Amino acid sequence: MYDLVATAPHQPNTGEILIGNSFGMCLGGKGANQAIAASRAGAKINMVGSLGEDVFGDQLLAK
């Protein structure tokens, strides 16, 4: 349920390795992002999920 976002100076070419400029984490994730987009398009949304026993699950419960 989290997006892990890294920025780099440009999109890497095939086989190129880049060092990122920054890294961040925010609520999201593929399923949540798609649910938000569908909701904004007018669909009725229900989302069911399960939290893992890891740092991401702990952070989500704390919010």
N, C-alpha and C. Protein backbone atom coordinates (compact mmCIF):
# COMPACT_ATOMS: atom_id res chain seq x y z
N MET A 1 0.80 -1.19 0.00
CA MET A 1 0.00 0.00 0.00
C MET A 1 0.85 1.26 0.00
N TYR A 2 2.09 1.13 -0.39
CA TYR A 2 2.99 2.26 -0.45
C TYR A 2 3.59 2.37 -1.84
N ASP A 3 3.81 3.60 -2.27
CA ASP A 3 4.62 3.86 -3.46
C ASP A 3 6.04 4.16 -2.98
N LEU A 4 7.01 3.51 -3.59
CA LEU A 4 8.41 3.79 -3.32
C LEU A 4 8.92 4.54 -4.55
N VAL A 5 9.31 5.79 -4.36
CA VAL A 5 9.61 6.69 -5.48
C VAL A 5 11.07 7.15 -5.43
N ALA A 6 11.79 6.91 -6.50
CA ALA A 6 13.16 7.40 -6.62
C ALA A 6 13.23 8.32 -7.84
N THR A 7 13.97 9.40 -7.73
CA THR A 7 14.16 10.28 -8.88
C THR A 7 15.61 10.17 -9.34
N ALA A 8 15.78 10.39 -10.63
CA ALA A 8 17.10 10.31 -11.25
C ALA A 8 17.22 11.45 -12.26
N PRO A 9 18.43 11.77 -12.69
CA PRO A 9 18.62 12.90 -13.61
C PRO A 9 17.94 12.70 -14.96
N HIS A 10 17.76 11.45 -15.39
CA HIS A 10 17.05 11.15 -16.64
C HIS A 10 16.63 9.69 -16.63
N GLN A 11 15.76 9.32 -17.54
CA GLN A 11 15.35 7.93 -17.64
C GLN A 11 16.53 7.11 -18.15
N PRO A 12 16.85 6.01 -17.48
CA PRO A 12 18.04 5.25 -17.89
C PRO A 12 17.87 4.58 -19.26
N ASN A 13 18.94 4.52 -20.00
CA ASN A 13 18.96 3.77 -21.24
C ASN A 13 19.13 2.29 -20.90
N THR A 14 18.89 1.41 -21.84
CA THR A 14 19.03 -0.02 -21.63
C THR A 14 20.42 -0.33 -21.07
N GLY A 15 20.46 -1.01 -19.95
CA GLY A 15 21.72 -1.40 -19.33
C GLY A 15 22.43 -0.32 -18.53
N GLU A 16 21.91 0.90 -18.56
CA GLU A 16 22.54 2.01 -17.83
C GLU A 16 22.14 1.96 -16.36
N ILE A 17 23.08 2.26 -15.50
CA ILE A 17 22.83 2.35 -14.06
C ILE A 17 22.96 3.81 -13.65
N LEU A 18 21.95 4.30 -12.95
CA LEU A 18 21.95 5.68 -12.48
C LEU A 18 21.93 5.71 -10.95
N ILE A 19 22.48 6.76 -10.40
CA ILE A 19 22.36 7.02 -8.97
C ILE A 19 21.23 8.02 -8.79
N GLY A 20 20.29 7.66 -7.93
CA GLY A 20 19.13 8.51 -7.72
C GLY A 20 19.47 9.79 -6.98
N ASN A 21 18.64 10.81 -7.22
CA ASN A 21 18.78 12.10 -6.54
C ASN A 21 18.06 12.11 -5.21
N SER A 22 16.94 11.37 -5.14
CA SER A 22 16.14 11.36 -3.92
C SER A 22 15.29 10.10 -3.88
N PHE A 23 14.77 9.81 -2.70
CA PHE A 23 13.91 8.65 -2.50
C PHE A 23 12.82 9.04 -1.52
N GLY A 24 11.60 8.56 -1.78
CA GLY A 24 10.50 8.85 -0.88
C GLY A 24 9.50 7.71 -0.85
N MET A 25 8.71 7.69 0.21
CA MET A 25 7.63 6.71 0.35
C MET A 25 6.35 7.47 0.63
N CYS A 26 5.26 7.05 -0.02
CA CYS A 26 3.97 7.67 0.23
C CYS A 26 2.87 6.62 0.07
N LEU A 27 1.74 6.87 0.68
CA LEU A 27 0.62 5.94 0.54
C LEU A 27 0.26 5.80 -0.92
N GLY A 28 -0.04 4.61 -1.34
CA GLY A 28 -0.40 4.36 -2.73
C GLY A 28 -0.29 2.89 -3.03
N GLY A 29 0.53 2.54 -3.97
CA GLY A 29 0.63 1.17 -4.44
C GLY A 29 -0.27 0.99 -5.64
N LYS A 30 0.02 0.00 -6.46
CA LYS A 30 -0.69 -0.19 -7.73
C LYS A 30 -2.20 -0.29 -7.55
N GLY A 31 -2.65 -1.15 -6.64
CA GLY A 31 -4.09 -1.32 -6.44
C GLY A 31 -4.78 -0.07 -5.94
N ALA A 32 -4.17 0.59 -4.97
CA ALA A 32 -4.75 1.82 -4.43
C ALA A 32 -4.78 2.93 -5.48
N ASN A 33 -3.72 3.05 -6.24
CA ASN A 33 -3.68 4.07 -7.29
C ASN A 33 -4.76 3.82 -8.34
N GLN A 34 -4.96 2.57 -8.73
CA GLN A 34 -6.00 2.24 -9.71
C GLN A 34 -7.39 2.50 -9.13
N ALA A 35 -7.59 2.19 -7.85
CA ALA A 35 -8.89 2.43 -7.21
C ALA A 35 -9.19 3.93 -7.16
N ILE A 36 -8.20 4.73 -6.85
CA ILE A 36 -8.40 6.18 -6.83
C ILE A 36 -8.75 6.69 -8.22
N ALA A 37 -8.04 6.23 -9.24
CA ALA A 37 -8.32 6.67 -10.61
C ALA A 37 -9.73 6.26 -11.03
N ALA A 38 -10.14 5.05 -10.70
CA ALA A 38 -11.49 4.59 -11.06
C ALA A 38 -12.55 5.40 -10.33
N SER A 39 -12.28 5.71 -9.05
CA SER A 39 -13.22 6.52 -8.28
C SER A 39 -13.36 7.91 -8.88
N ARG A 40 -12.24 8.50 -9.25
CA ARG A 40 -12.28 9.84 -9.87
C ARG A 40 -13.00 9.82 -11.21
N ALA A 41 -13.01 8.65 -11.86
CA ALA A 41 -13.72 8.51 -13.14
C ALA A 41 -15.20 8.21 -12.94
N GLY A 42 -15.63 8.09 -11.67
CA GLY A 42 -17.04 7.91 -11.38
C GLY A 42 -17.45 6.51 -10.94
N ALA A 43 -16.53 5.57 -10.86
CA ALA A 43 -16.88 4.21 -10.45
C ALA A 43 -17.04 4.13 -8.93
N LYS A 44 -17.92 3.23 -8.47
CA LYS A 44 -18.04 2.96 -7.04
C LYS A 44 -16.95 1.95 -6.69
N ILE A 45 -16.16 2.26 -5.67
CA ILE A 45 -14.98 1.46 -5.33
C ILE A 45 -15.09 0.85 -3.94
N ASN A 46 -14.74 -0.41 -3.83
CA ASN A 46 -14.51 -1.09 -2.56
C ASN A 46 -13.15 -1.74 -2.68
N MET A 47 -12.33 -1.61 -1.65
CA MET A 47 -10.99 -2.20 -1.70
C MET A 47 -10.82 -3.10 -0.49
N VAL A 48 -10.35 -4.30 -0.74
CA VAL A 48 -10.11 -5.27 0.32
C VAL A 48 -8.62 -5.61 0.28
N GLY A 49 -8.01 -5.69 1.44
CA GLY A 49 -6.59 -6.00 1.46
C GLY A 49 -6.20 -6.64 2.78
N SER A 50 -4.93 -6.90 2.89
CA SER A 50 -4.38 -7.51 4.09
C SER A 50 -3.04 -6.85 4.38
N LEU A 51 -2.80 -6.55 5.64
CA LEU A 51 -1.54 -5.94 6.03
C LEU A 51 -0.52 -7.02 6.38
N GLY A 52 0.70 -6.84 5.92
CA GLY A 52 1.77 -7.75 6.27
C GLY A 52 2.35 -7.40 7.62
N GLU A 53 3.08 -8.33 8.16
CA GLU A 53 3.75 -8.10 9.45
C GLU A 53 5.16 -7.59 9.17
N ASP A 54 5.22 -6.35 8.69
CA ASP A 54 6.49 -5.72 8.35
C ASP A 54 6.40 -4.23 8.63
N VAL A 55 7.44 -3.48 8.32
CA VAL A 55 7.48 -2.05 8.61
C VAL A 55 6.37 -1.30 7.86
N PHE A 56 6.02 -1.74 6.66
CA PHE A 56 4.98 -1.05 5.91
C PHE A 56 3.62 -1.25 6.56
N GLY A 57 3.32 -2.46 7.00
CA GLY A 57 2.06 -2.72 7.71
C GLY A 57 1.98 -1.94 9.01
N ASP A 58 3.10 -1.89 9.73
CA ASP A 58 3.12 -1.13 10.99
C ASP A 58 2.86 0.36 10.74
N GLN A 59 3.49 0.92 9.70
CA GLN A 59 3.30 2.34 9.40
C GLN A 59 1.87 2.62 8.97
N LEU A 60 1.27 1.72 8.21
CA LEU A 60 -0.10 1.92 7.75
C LEU A 60 -1.06 1.90 8.93
N LEU A 61 -0.86 0.98 9.86
CA LEU A 61 -1.72 0.92 11.05
C LEU A 61 -1.58 2.16 11.91
N ALA A 62 -0.40 2.77 11.91
CA ALA A 62 -0.16 3.95 12.74
C ALA A 62 -0.83 5.20 12.16
N LYS A 63 -1.22 5.21 10.89
CA LYS A 63 -1.83 6.40 10.27
C LYS A 63 -3.27 6.54 10.62
